[in-house]
PDB file of N, CA and C in Angstrom:
ATOM      1  N   UNK A   1     105.974 132.107 166.852  1.00  0.00           N
ATOM      2  CA  UNK A   1     105.088 131.789 167.951  1.00  0.00           C
ATOM      3  C   UNK A   1     104.941 130.273 168.091  1.00  0.00           C
ATOM      4  N   UNK A   2     105.069 129.785 169.292  1.00  0.00           N
ATOM      5  CA  UNK A   2     104.934 128.359 169.542  1.00  0.00           C
ATOM      6  C   UNK A   2     103.473 127.942 169.467  1.00  0.00           C
ATOM      7  N   UNK A   3     103.236 126.734 168.932  1.00  0.00           N
ATOM      8  CA  UNK A   3     101.872 126.215 168.897  1.00  0.00           C
ATOM      9  C   UNK A   3     101.454 125.858 170.316  1.00  0.00           C
ATOM     10  N   UNK A   4     100.137 125.792 170.550  1.00  0.00           N
ATOM     11  CA  UNK A   4      99.693 125.446 171.900  1.00  0.00           C
ATOM     12  C   UNK A   4      99.971 123.966 172.174  1.00  0.00           C
ATOM     13  N   UNK A   5      99.920 123.607 173.429  1.00  0.00           N
ATOM     14  CA  UNK A   5     100.321 122.267 173.850  1.00  0.00           C
ATOM     15  C   UNK A   5      99.453 121.166 173.237  1.00  0.00           C
ATOM     16  N   UNK A   6      98.155 121.393 173.138  1.00  0.00           N
ATOM     17  CA  UNK A   6      97.248 120.395 172.565  1.00  0.00           C
ATOM     18  C   UNK A   6      97.605 120.125 171.107  1.00  0.00           C
ATOM     19  N   UNK A   7      97.794 121.178 170.332  1.00  0.00           N
ATOM     20  CA  UNK A   7      98.168 121.015 168.920  1.00  0.00           C
ATOM     21  C   UNK A   7      99.526 120.326 168.804  1.00  0.00           C
ATOM     22  N   UNK A   8     100.470 120.718 169.644  1.00  0.00           N
ATOM     23  CA  UNK A   8     101.796 120.102 169.623  1.00  0.00           C
ATOM     24  C   UNK A   8     101.693 118.598 169.851  1.00  0.00           C
ATOM     25  N   UNK A   9     100.979 118.189 170.901  1.00  0.00           N
ATOM     26  CA  UNK A   9     100.867 116.758 171.205  1.00  0.00           C
ATOM     27  C   UNK A   9     100.186 116.006 170.070  1.00  0.00           C
ATOM     28  N   UNK A  10      99.171 116.597 169.460  1.00  0.00           N
ATOM     29  CA  UNK A  10      98.488 115.928 168.355  1.00  0.00           C
ATOM     30  C   UNK A  10      99.425 115.759 167.162  1.00  0.00           C
ATOM     31  N   UNK A  11     100.166 116.805 166.830  1.00  0.00           N
ATOM     32  CA  UNK A  11     101.118 116.722 165.711  1.00  0.00           C
ATOM     33  C   UNK A  11     102.206 115.677 165.976  1.00  0.00           C
ATOM     34  N   UNK A  12     102.720 115.651 167.199  1.00  0.00           N
ATOM     35  CA  UNK A  12     103.765 114.677 167.527  1.00  0.00           C
ATOM     36  C   UNK A  12     103.192 113.262 167.522  1.00  0.00           C
ATOM     37  N   UNK A  13     102.002 113.072 168.094  1.00  0.00           N
ATOM     38  CA  UNK A  13     101.378 111.745 168.064  1.00  0.00           C
ATOM     39  C   UNK A  13     101.208 111.269 166.625  1.00  0.00           C
ATOM     40  N   UNK A  14     100.764 112.165 165.751  1.00  0.00           N
ATOM     41  CA  UNK A  14     100.565 111.812 164.341  1.00  0.00           C
ATOM     42  C   UNK A  14     101.881 111.434 163.669  1.00  0.00           C
ATOM     43  N   UNK A  15     102.934 112.203 163.919  1.00  0.00           N
ATOM     44  CA  UNK A  15     104.215 111.944 163.258  1.00  0.00           C
ATOM     45  C   UNK A  15     104.847 110.667 163.808  1.00  0.00           C
ATOM     46  N   UNK A  16     104.739 110.414 165.110  1.00  0.00           N
ATOM     47  CA  UNK A  16     105.284 109.177 165.666  1.00  0.00           C
ATOM     48  C   UNK A  16     104.551 107.959 165.119  1.00  0.00           C
ATOM     49  N   UNK A  17     103.231 108.059 164.973  1.00  0.00           N
ATOM     50  CA  UNK A  17     102.450 106.956 164.396  1.00  0.00           C
ATOM     51  C   UNK A  17     102.857 106.723 162.942  1.00  0.00           C
ATOM     52  N   UNK A  18     103.098 107.797 162.205  1.00  0.00           N
ATOM     53  CA  UNK A  18     103.532 107.671 160.818  1.00  0.00           C
ATOM     54  C   UNK A  18     104.913 107.025 160.720  1.00  0.00           C
ATOM     55  N   UNK A  19     105.831 107.429 161.582  1.00  0.00           N
ATOM     56  CA  UNK A  19     107.177 106.834 161.593  1.00  0.00           C
ATOM     57  C   UNK A  19     107.082 105.343 161.893  1.00  0.00           C
ATOM     58  N   UNK A  20     106.307 104.998 162.913  1.00  0.00           N
ATOM     59  CA  UNK A  20     106.165 103.593 163.292  1.00  0.00           C
ATOM     60  C   UNK A  20     105.545 102.778 162.159  1.00  0.00           C
ATOM     61  N   UNK A  21     104.504 103.301 161.542  1.00  0.00           N
ATOM     62  CA  UNK A  21     103.841 102.609 160.445  1.00  0.00           C
ATOM     63  C   UNK A  21     104.791 102.397 159.264  1.00  0.00           C
ATOM     64  N   UNK A  22     105.526 103.445 158.912  1.00  0.00           N
ATOM     65  CA  UNK A  22     106.457 103.328 157.797  1.00  0.00           C
ATOM     66  C   UNK A  22     107.598 102.359 158.128  1.00  0.00           C
ATOM     67  N   UNK A  23     108.116 102.414 159.350  1.00  0.00           N
ATOM     68  CA  UNK A  23     109.205 101.514 159.746  1.00  0.00           C
ATOM     69  C   UNK A  23     108.746 100.058 159.707  1.00  0.00           C
ATOM     70  N   UNK A  24     107.505  99.807 160.137  1.00  0.00           N
ATOM     71  CA  UNK A  24     106.968  98.441 160.112  1.00  0.00           C
ATOM     72  C   UNK A  24     106.823  97.912 158.686  1.00  0.00           C
ATOM     73  N   UNK A  25     106.658  98.806 157.710  1.00  0.00           N
ATOM     74  CA  UNK A  25     106.443  98.397 156.326  1.00  0.00           C
ATOM     75  C   UNK A  25     107.747  98.119 155.570  1.00  0.00           C
ATOM     76  N   UNK A  26     108.888  98.530 156.113  1.00  0.00           N
ATOM     77  CA  UNK A  26     110.152  98.298 155.429  1.00  0.00           C
ATOM     78  C   UNK A  26     110.495  96.820 155.436  1.00  0.00           C
ATOM     79  N   UNK A  27     111.186  96.398 154.370  1.00  0.00           N
ATOM     80  CA  UNK A  27     111.593  94.994 154.292  1.00  0.00           C
ATOM     81  C   UNK A  27     112.642  94.661 155.346  1.00  0.00           C
ATOM     82  N   UNK A  28     113.505  95.621 155.640  1.00  0.00           N
ATOM     83  CA  UNK A  28     114.512  95.399 156.673  1.00  0.00           C
ATOM     84  C   UNK A  28     113.815  95.254 158.018  1.00  0.00           C
ATOM     85  N   UNK A  29     114.421  94.500 158.887  1.00  0.00           N
ATOM     86  CA  UNK A  29     113.848  94.281 160.201  1.00  0.00           C
ATOM     87  C   UNK A  29     114.156  95.480 161.100  1.00  0.00           C
ATOM     88  N   UNK A  30     113.149  96.303 161.331  1.00  0.00           N
ATOM     89  CA  UNK A  30     113.275  97.440 162.236  1.00  0.00           C
ATOM     90  C   UNK A  30     112.253  97.235 163.349  1.00  0.00           C
ATOM     91  N   UNK A  31     112.747  97.066 164.552  1.00  0.00           N
ATOM     92  CA  UNK A  31     111.852  96.916 165.699  1.00  0.00           C
ATOM     93  C   UNK A  31     111.472  98.289 166.210  1.00  0.00           C
ATOM     94  N   UNK A  32     110.181  98.498 166.419  1.00  0.00           N
ATOM     95  CA  UNK A  32     109.667  99.770 166.935  1.00  0.00           C
ATOM     96  C   UNK A  32     109.102  99.533 168.325  1.00  0.00           C
ATOM     97  N   UNK A  33     109.465 100.420 169.231  1.00  0.00           N
ATOM     98  CA  UNK A  33     108.911 100.348 170.582  1.00  0.00           C
ATOM     99  C   UNK A  33     108.555 101.756 171.026  1.00  0.00           C
ATOM    100  N   UNK A  34     107.325 101.907 171.512  1.00  0.00           N
ATOM    101  CA  UNK A  34     106.893 103.189 172.051  1.00  0.00           C
ATOM    102  C   UNK A  34     106.708 103.028 173.543  1.00  0.00           C
ATOM    103  N   UNK A  35     107.347 103.920 174.296  1.00  0.00           N
ATOM    104  CA  UNK A  35     107.221 103.889 175.744  1.00  0.00           C
ATOM    105  C   UNK A  35     107.262 105.321 176.253  1.00  0.00           C
ATOM    106  N   UNK A  36     106.220 105.724 176.950  1.00  0.00           N
ATOM    107  CA  UNK A  36     106.127 107.071 177.525  1.00  0.00           C
ATOM    108  C   UNK A  36     106.364 108.163 176.494  1.00  0.00           C
ATOM    109  N   UNK A  37     105.820 107.956 175.284  1.00  0.00           N
ATOM    110  CA  UNK A  37     105.942 108.970 174.239  1.00  0.00           C
ATOM    111  C   UNK A  37     107.283 108.982 173.534  1.00  0.00           C
ATOM    112  N   UNK A  38     108.129 107.995 173.804  1.00  0.00           N
ATOM    113  CA  UNK A  38     109.432 107.895 173.155  1.00  0.00           C
ATOM    114  C   UNK A  38     109.382 106.721 172.185  1.00  0.00           C
ATOM    115  N   UNK A  39     109.721 106.983 170.924  1.00  0.00           N
ATOM    116  CA  UNK A  39     109.747 105.942 169.902  1.00  0.00           C
ATOM    117  C   UNK A  39     111.196 105.532 169.672  1.00  0.00           C
ATOM    118  N   UNK A  40     111.475 104.242 169.850  1.00  0.00           N
ATOM    119  CA  UNK A  40     112.807 103.708 169.607  1.00  0.00           C
ATOM    120  C   UNK A  40     112.744 102.793 168.398  1.00  0.00           C
ATOM    121  N   UNK A  41     113.595 103.075 167.422  1.00  0.00           N
ATOM    122  CA  UNK A  41     113.748 102.212 166.256  1.00  0.00           C
ATOM    123  C   UNK A  41     115.046 101.447 166.453  1.00  0.00           C
ATOM    124  N   UNK A  42     114.960 100.112 166.470  1.00  0.00           N
ATOM    125  CA  UNK A  42     116.167  99.303 166.643  1.00  0.00           C
ATOM    126  C   UNK A  42     116.373  98.467 165.395  1.00  0.00           C
ATOM    127  N   UNK A  43     117.604  98.476 164.912  1.00  0.00           N
ATOM    128  CA  UNK A  43     117.947  97.803 163.667  1.00  0.00           C
ATOM    129  C   UNK A  43     118.620  96.463 163.965  1.00  0.00           C
ATOM    130  N   UNK A  44     118.704  95.612 162.945  1.00  0.00           N
ATOM    131  CA  UNK A  44     119.294  94.285 163.110  1.00  0.00           C
ATOM    132  C   UNK A  44     120.714  94.379 163.672  1.00  0.00           C
ATOM    133  N   UNK A  45     121.414  95.458 163.372  1.00  0.00           N
ATOM    134  CA  UNK A  45     122.786  95.670 163.857  1.00  0.00           C
ATOM    135  C   UNK A  45     122.836  95.960 165.354  1.00  0.00           C
ATOM    136  N   UNK A  46     121.659  96.214 165.961  1.00  0.00           N
ATOM    137  CA  UNK A  46     121.599  96.593 167.370  1.00  0.00           C
ATOM    138  C   UNK A  46     121.643  98.100 167.572  1.00  0.00           C
ATOM    139  N   UNK A  47     121.905  98.839 166.501  1.00  0.00           N
ATOM    140  CA  UNK A  47     121.911 100.305 166.597  1.00  0.00           C
ATOM    141  C   UNK A  47     120.487 100.818 166.741  1.00  0.00           C
ATOM    142  N   UNK A  48     120.376 102.001 167.346  1.00  0.00           N
ATOM    143  CA  UNK A  48     119.050 102.565 167.607  1.00  0.00           C
ATOM    144  C   UNK A  48     118.971 104.016 167.156  1.00  0.00           C
ATOM    145  N   UNK A  49     117.751 104.426 166.828  1.00  0.00           N
ATOM    146  CA  UNK A  49     117.403 105.833 166.624  1.00  0.00           C
ATOM    147  C   UNK A  49     116.258 106.090 167.595  1.00  0.00           C
ATOM    148  N   UNK A  50     116.404 107.127 168.406  1.00  0.00           N
ATOM    149  CA  UNK A  50     115.398 107.431 169.431  1.00  0.00           C
ATOM    150  C   UNK A  50     114.763 108.773 169.103  1.00  0.00           C
ATOM    151  N   UNK A  51     113.432 108.792 169.096  1.00  0.00           N
ATOM    152  CA  UNK A  51     112.666 109.983 168.744  1.00  0.00           C
ATOM    153  C   UNK A  51     111.733 110.298 169.906  1.00  0.00           C
ATOM    154  N   UNK A  52     111.834 111.523 170.418  1.00  0.00           N
ATOM    155  CA  UNK A  52     110.941 111.876 171.522  1.00  0.00           C
ATOM    156  C   UNK A  52     110.529 113.342 171.462  1.00  0.00           C
ATOM    157  N   UNK A  53     109.474 113.639 172.181  1.00  0.00           N
ATOM    158  CA  UNK A  53     108.933 114.998 172.217  1.00  0.00           C
ATOM    159  C   UNK A  53     109.546 115.775 173.364  1.00  0.00           C
ATOM    160  N   UNK A  54     109.754 117.044 173.123  1.00  0.00           N
ATOM    161  CA  UNK A  54     110.218 117.969 174.157  1.00  0.00           C
ATOM    162  C   UNK A  54     109.144 119.045 174.262  1.00  0.00           C
ATOM    163  N   UNK A  55     108.172 118.789 175.127  1.00  0.00           N
ATOM    164  CA  UNK A  55     106.997 119.649 175.229  1.00  0.00           C
ATOM    165  C   UNK A  55     107.321 121.106 175.553  1.00  0.00           C
ATOM    166  N   UNK A  56     108.182 121.406 176.528  1.00  0.00           N
ATOM    167  CA  UNK A  56     108.423 122.826 176.848  1.00  0.00           C
ATOM    168  C   UNK A  56     108.928 123.644 175.651  1.00  0.00           C
ATOM    169  N   UNK A  57     109.726 122.997 174.792  1.00  0.00           N
ATOM    170  CA  UNK A  57     110.281 123.689 173.615  1.00  0.00           C
ATOM    171  C   UNK A  57     109.425 123.506 172.377  1.00  0.00           C
ATOM    172  N   UNK A  58     108.401 122.647 172.456  1.00  0.00           N
ATOM    173  CA  UNK A  58     107.563 122.292 171.298  1.00  0.00           C
ATOM    174  C   UNK A  58     108.445 121.745 170.173  1.00  0.00           C
ATOM    175  N   UNK A  59     109.322 120.813 170.549  1.00  0.00           N
ATOM    176  CA  UNK A  59     110.256 120.226 169.593  1.00  0.00           C
ATOM    177  C   UNK A  59     110.189 118.703 169.630  1.00  0.00           C
ATOM    178  N   UNK A  60     110.664 118.103 168.547  1.00  0.00           N
ATOM    179  CA  UNK A  60     110.915 116.667 168.485  1.00  0.00           C
ATOM    180  C   UNK A  60     112.431 116.519 168.470  1.00  0.00           C
ATOM    181  N   UNK A  61     112.938 115.648 169.333  1.00  0.00           N
ATOM    182  CA  UNK A  61     114.380 115.403 169.377  1.00  0.00           C
ATOM    183  C   UNK A  61     114.663 114.015 168.833  1.00  0.00           C
ATOM    184  N   UNK A  62     115.715 113.922 168.040  1.00  0.00           N
ATOM    185  CA  UNK A  62     116.144 112.650 167.453  1.00  0.00           C
ATOM    186  C   UNK A  62     117.584 112.393 167.884  1.00  0.00           C
ATOM    187  N   UNK A  63     117.828 111.212 168.420  1.00  0.00           N
ATOM    188  CA  UNK A  63     119.180 110.796 168.790  1.00  0.00           C
ATOM    189  C   UNK A  63     119.568 109.619 167.901  1.00  0.00           C
ATOM    190  N   UNK A  64     120.714 109.757 167.240  1.00  0.00           N
ATOM    191  CA  UNK A  64     121.227 108.707 166.365  1.00  0.00           C
ATOM    192  C   UNK A  64     122.735 108.635 166.546  1.00  0.00           C
ATOM    193  N   UNK A  65     123.352 107.618 165.982  1.00  0.00           N
ATOM    194  CA  UNK A  65     124.805 107.479 166.109  1.00  0.00           C
ATOM    195  C   UNK A  65     125.517 108.734 165.612  1.00  0.00           C
ATOM    196  N   UNK A  66     124.967 109.364 164.578  1.00  0.00           N
ATOM    197  CA  UNK A  66     125.610 110.540 163.979  1.00  0.00           C
ATOM    198  C   UNK A  66     125.370 111.829 164.755  1.00  0.00           C
ATOM    199  N   UNK A  67     124.525 111.791 165.791  1.00  0.00           N
ATOM    200  CA  UNK A  67     124.336 112.982 166.605  1.00  0.00           C
ATOM    201  C   UNK A  67     122.920 113.161 167.103  1.00  0.00           C
ATOM    202  N   UNK A  68     122.694 114.316 167.716  1.00  0.00           N
ATOM    203  CA  UNK A  68     121.380 114.672 168.231  1.00  0.00           C
ATOM    204  C   UNK A  68     120.818 115.824 167.420  1.00  0.00           C
ATOM    205  N   UNK A  69     119.524 115.788 167.165  1.00  0.00           N
ATOM    206  CA  UNK A  69     118.882 116.771 166.299  1.00  0.00           C
ATOM    207  C   UNK A  69     117.594 117.253 166.949  1.00  0.00           C
ATOM    208  N   UNK A  70     117.303 118.533 166.809  1.00  0.00           N
ATOM    209  CA  UNK A  70     116.092 119.139 167.375  1.00  0.00           C
ATOM    210  C   UNK A  70     115.250 119.675 166.230  1.00  0.00           C
ATOM    211  N   UNK A  71     113.966 119.314 166.218  1.00  0.00           N
ATOM    212  CA  UNK A  71     113.062 119.722 165.147  1.00  0.00           C
ATOM    213  C   UNK A  71     111.917 120.547 165.709  1.00  0.00           C
ATOM    214  N   UNK A  72     111.612 121.629 165.011  1.00  0.00           N
ATOM    215  CA  UNK A  72     110.501 122.508 165.365  1.00  0.00           C
ATOM    216  C   UNK A  72     109.588 122.595 164.152  1.00  0.00           C
ATOM    217  N   UNK A  73     108.267 122.618 164.397  1.00  0.00           N
ATOM    218  CA  UNK A  73     107.315 122.696 163.292  1.00  0.00           C
ATOM    219  C   UNK A  73     107.337 124.112 162.722  1.00  0.00           C
ATOM    220  N   UNK A  74     107.658 124.218 161.423  1.00  0.00           N
ATOM    221  CA  UNK A  74     107.798 125.520 160.784  1.00  0.00           C
ATOM    222  C   UNK A  74     107.465 125.386 159.305  1.00  0.00           C
ATOM    223  N   UNK A  75     106.657 126.278 158.801  1.00  0.00           N
ATOM    224  CA  UNK A  75     106.295 126.294 157.370  1.00  0.00           C
ATOM    225  C   UNK A  75     105.764 124.939 156.900  1.00  0.00           C
ATOM    226  N   UNK A  76     104.940 124.305 157.745  1.00  0.00           N
ATOM    227  CA  UNK A  76     104.267 123.069 157.354  1.00  0.00           C
ATOM    228  C   UNK A  76     105.067 121.794 157.509  1.00  0.00           C
ATOM    229  N   UNK A  77     106.269 121.863 158.107  1.00  0.00           N
ATOM    230  CA  UNK A  77     107.082 120.662 158.267  1.00  0.00           C
ATOM    231  C   UNK A  77     107.919 120.760 159.545  1.00  0.00           C
ATOM    232  N   UNK A  78     108.322 119.606 160.052  1.00  0.00           N
ATOM    233  CA  UNK A  78     109.251 119.557 161.170  1.00  0.00           C
ATOM    234  C   UNK A  78     110.640 119.794 160.609  1.00  0.00           C
ATOM    235  N   UNK A  79     111.315 120.876 161.064  1.00  0.00           N
ATOM    236  CA  UNK A  79     112.620 121.264 160.524  1.00  0.00           C
ATOM    237  C   UNK A  79     113.666 121.326 161.634  1.00  0.00           C
ATOM    238  N   UNK A  80     114.882 120.853 161.291  1.00  0.00           N
ATOM    239  CA  UNK A  80     115.996 120.896 162.223  1.00  0.00           C
ATOM    240  C   UNK A  80     116.305 122.354 162.558  1.00  0.00           C
ATOM    241  N   UNK A  81     116.492 122.630 163.839  1.00  0.00           N
ATOM    242  CA  UNK A  81     116.704 124.009 164.275  1.00  0.00           C
ATOM    243  C   UNK A  81     118.065 124.556 163.855  1.00  0.00           C
ATOM    244  N   UNK A  82     118.996 123.694 163.461  1.00  0.00           N
ATOM    245  CA  UNK A  82     120.317 124.170 163.010  1.00  0.00           C
ATOM    246  C   UNK A  82     120.445 124.174 161.491  1.00  0.00           C
ATOM    247  N   UNK A  83     120.052 123.077 160.845  1.00  0.00           N
ATOM    248  CA  UNK A  83     120.286 122.948 159.402  1.00  0.00           C
ATOM    249  C   UNK A  83     119.056 123.257 158.555  1.00  0.00           C
ATOM    250  N   UNK A  84     117.875 123.316 159.173  1.00  0.00           N
ATOM    251  CA  UNK A  84     116.601 123.509 158.484  1.00  0.00           C
ATOM    252  C   UNK A  84     116.181 122.274 157.678  1.00  0.00           C
ATOM    253  N   UNK A  85     116.919 121.171 157.825  1.00  0.00           N
ATOM    254  CA  UNK A  85     116.586 119.916 157.159  1.00  0.00           C
ATOM    255  C   UNK A  85     115.264 119.384 157.722  1.00  0.00           C
ATOM    256  N   UNK A  86     114.444 118.772 156.889  1.00  0.00           N
ATOM    257  CA  UNK A  86     113.170 118.232 157.368  1.00  0.00           C
ATOM    258  C   UNK A  86     113.380 116.907 158.099  1.00  0.00           C
ATOM    259  N   UNK A  87     112.431 116.591 158.962  1.00  0.00           N
ATOM    260  CA  UNK A  87     112.506 115.372 159.755  1.00  0.00           C
ATOM    261  C   UNK A  87     112.548 114.133 158.864  1.00  0.00           C
ATOM    262  N   UNK A  88     111.733 114.070 157.823  1.00  0.00           N
ATOM    263  CA  UNK A  88     111.746 112.882 156.967  1.00  0.00           C
ATOM    264  C   UNK A  88     113.088 112.722 156.256  1.00  0.00           C
ATOM    265  N   UNK A  89     113.705 113.825 155.842  1.00  0.00           N
ATOM    266  CA  UNK A  89     115.018 113.759 155.192  1.00  0.00           C
ATOM    267  C   UNK A  89     116.067 113.231 156.168  1.00  0.00           C
ATOM    268  N   UNK A  90     116.057 113.747 157.385  1.00  0.00           N
ATOM    269  CA  UNK A  90     117.038 113.289 158.372  1.00  0.00           C
ATOM    270  C   UNK A  90     116.815 111.823 158.736  1.00  0.00           C
ATOM    271  N   UNK A  91     115.565 111.423 158.984  1.00  0.00           N
ATOM    272  CA  UNK A  91     115.305 110.024 159.340  1.00  0.00           C
ATOM    273  C   UNK A  91     115.696 109.081 158.212  1.00  0.00           C
ATOM    274  N   UNK A  92     115.446 109.492 156.973  1.00  0.00           N
ATOM    275  CA  UNK A  92     115.861 108.689 155.825  1.00  0.00           C
ATOM    276  C   UNK A  92     117.375 108.470 155.868  1.00  0.00           C
ATOM    277  N   UNK A  93     118.110 109.544 156.125  1.00  0.00           N
ATOM    278  CA  UNK A  93     119.580 109.473 156.159  1.00  0.00           C
ATOM    279  C   UNK A  93     120.075 108.608 157.314  1.00  0.00           C
ATOM    280  N   UNK A  94     119.658 108.914 158.541  1.00  0.00           N
ATOM    281  CA  UNK A  94     120.214 108.195 159.691  1.00  0.00           C
ATOM    282  C   UNK A  94     119.745 106.741 159.747  1.00  0.00           C
ATOM    283  N   UNK A  95     118.507 106.477 159.347  1.00  0.00           N
ATOM    284  CA  UNK A  95     118.026 105.097 159.375  1.00  0.00           C
ATOM    285  C   UNK A  95     118.672 104.262 158.272  1.00  0.00           C
ATOM    286  N   UNK A  96     118.942 104.863 157.128  1.00  0.00           N
ATOM    287  CA  UNK A  96     119.663 104.148 156.069  1.00  0.00           C
ATOM    288  C   UNK A  96     121.074 103.812 156.536  1.00  0.00           C
ATOM    289  N   UNK A  97     121.716 104.760 157.227  1.00  0.00           N
ATOM    290  CA  UNK A  97     123.053 104.509 157.775  1.00  0.00           C
ATOM    291  C   UNK A  97     123.013 103.383 158.801  1.00  0.00           C
ATOM    292  N   UNK A  98     122.014 103.390 159.665  1.00  0.00           N
ATOM    293  CA  UNK A  98     121.934 102.392 160.738  1.00  0.00           C
ATOM    294  C   UNK A  98     121.622 100.998 160.184  1.00  0.00           C
ATOM    295  N   UNK A  99     120.754 100.938 159.162  1.00  0.00           N
ATOM    296  CA  UNK A  99     120.321  99.633 158.663  1.00  0.00           C
ATOM    297  C   UNK A  99     121.265  99.075 157.602  1.00  0.00           C
ATOM    298  N   UNK A 100     122.029  99.953 156.943  1.00  0.00           N
ATOM    299  CA  UNK A 100     122.910  99.496 155.875  1.00  0.00           C
ATOM    300  C   UNK A 100     122.206  99.322 154.547  1.00  0.00           C
ATOM    301  N   UNK A 101     120.954  99.727 154.459  1.00  0.00           N
ATOM    302  CA  UNK A 101     120.217  99.685 153.195  1.00  0.00           C
ATOM    303  C   UNK A 101     119.299 100.906 153.117  1.00  0.00           C
ATOM    304  N   UNK A 102     118.684 101.099 151.967  1.00  0.00           N
ATOM    305  CA  UNK A 102     117.843 102.279 151.776  1.00  0.00           C
ATOM    306  C   UNK A 102     116.552 102.181 152.580  1.00  0.00           C
ATOM    307  N   UNK A 103     116.352 103.161 153.413  1.00  0.00           N
ATOM    308  CA  UNK A 103     115.127 103.309 154.200  1.00  0.00           C
ATOM    309  C   UNK A 103     114.647 104.722 153.909  1.00  0.00           C
ATOM    310  N   UNK A 104     113.416 104.862 153.432  1.00  0.00           N
ATOM    311  CA  UNK A 104     112.917 106.180 153.040  1.00  0.00           C
ATOM    312  C   UNK A 104     111.657 106.507 153.841  1.00  0.00           C
ATOM    313  N   UNK A 105     111.699 107.658 154.496  1.00  0.00           N
ATOM    314  CA  UNK A 105     110.533 108.183 155.201  1.00  0.00           C
ATOM    315  C   UNK A 105     109.976 109.344 154.416  1.00  0.00           C
ATOM    316  N   UNK A 106     108.651 109.497 154.461  1.00  0.00           N
ATOM    317  CA  UNK A 106     108.009 110.621 153.795  1.00  0.00           C
ATOM    318  C   UNK A 106     106.794 111.040 154.617  1.00  0.00           C
ATOM    319  N   UNK A 107     106.727 112.336 154.916  1.00  0.00           N
ATOM    320  CA  UNK A 107     105.606 112.870 155.680  1.00  0.00           C
ATOM    321  C   UNK A 107     104.954 114.001 154.900  1.00  0.00           C
ATOM    322  N   UNK A 108     103.652 114.042 154.947  1.00  0.00           N
ATOM    323  CA  UNK A 108     102.912 115.171 154.379  1.00  0.00           C
ATOM    324  C   UNK A 108     102.578 116.103 155.534  1.00  0.00           C
ATOM    325  N   UNK A 109     103.055 117.350 155.451  1.00  0.00           N
ATOM    326  CA  UNK A 109     102.743 118.345 156.479  1.00  0.00           C
ATOM    327  C   UNK A 109     103.211 117.924 157.790  1.00  0.00           C
TER     328      UNK A 109
END
């Protein structure tokens, strides 16, 4: 069952704020820009990771050089609809690839 729209927006707002806060704390230079609910992480290399909400599907979509990923909230975490990988695991992987150094994201619930 899909969560209601209010809960979805609150969860996405919370996760985007957490991503932005964590990205700002990394030693590597990661520029964060939020526009119309879309969070763009830009790395010194000029590469980007784009994270946005898909309200009709109650999903978070991530676009990175390695591909596009769709996450749905399930069992207390945002999980990829194909691999079941968690959002923090995927962001850690793709952002480390983009920046060329270790970038680690961690989300509770």
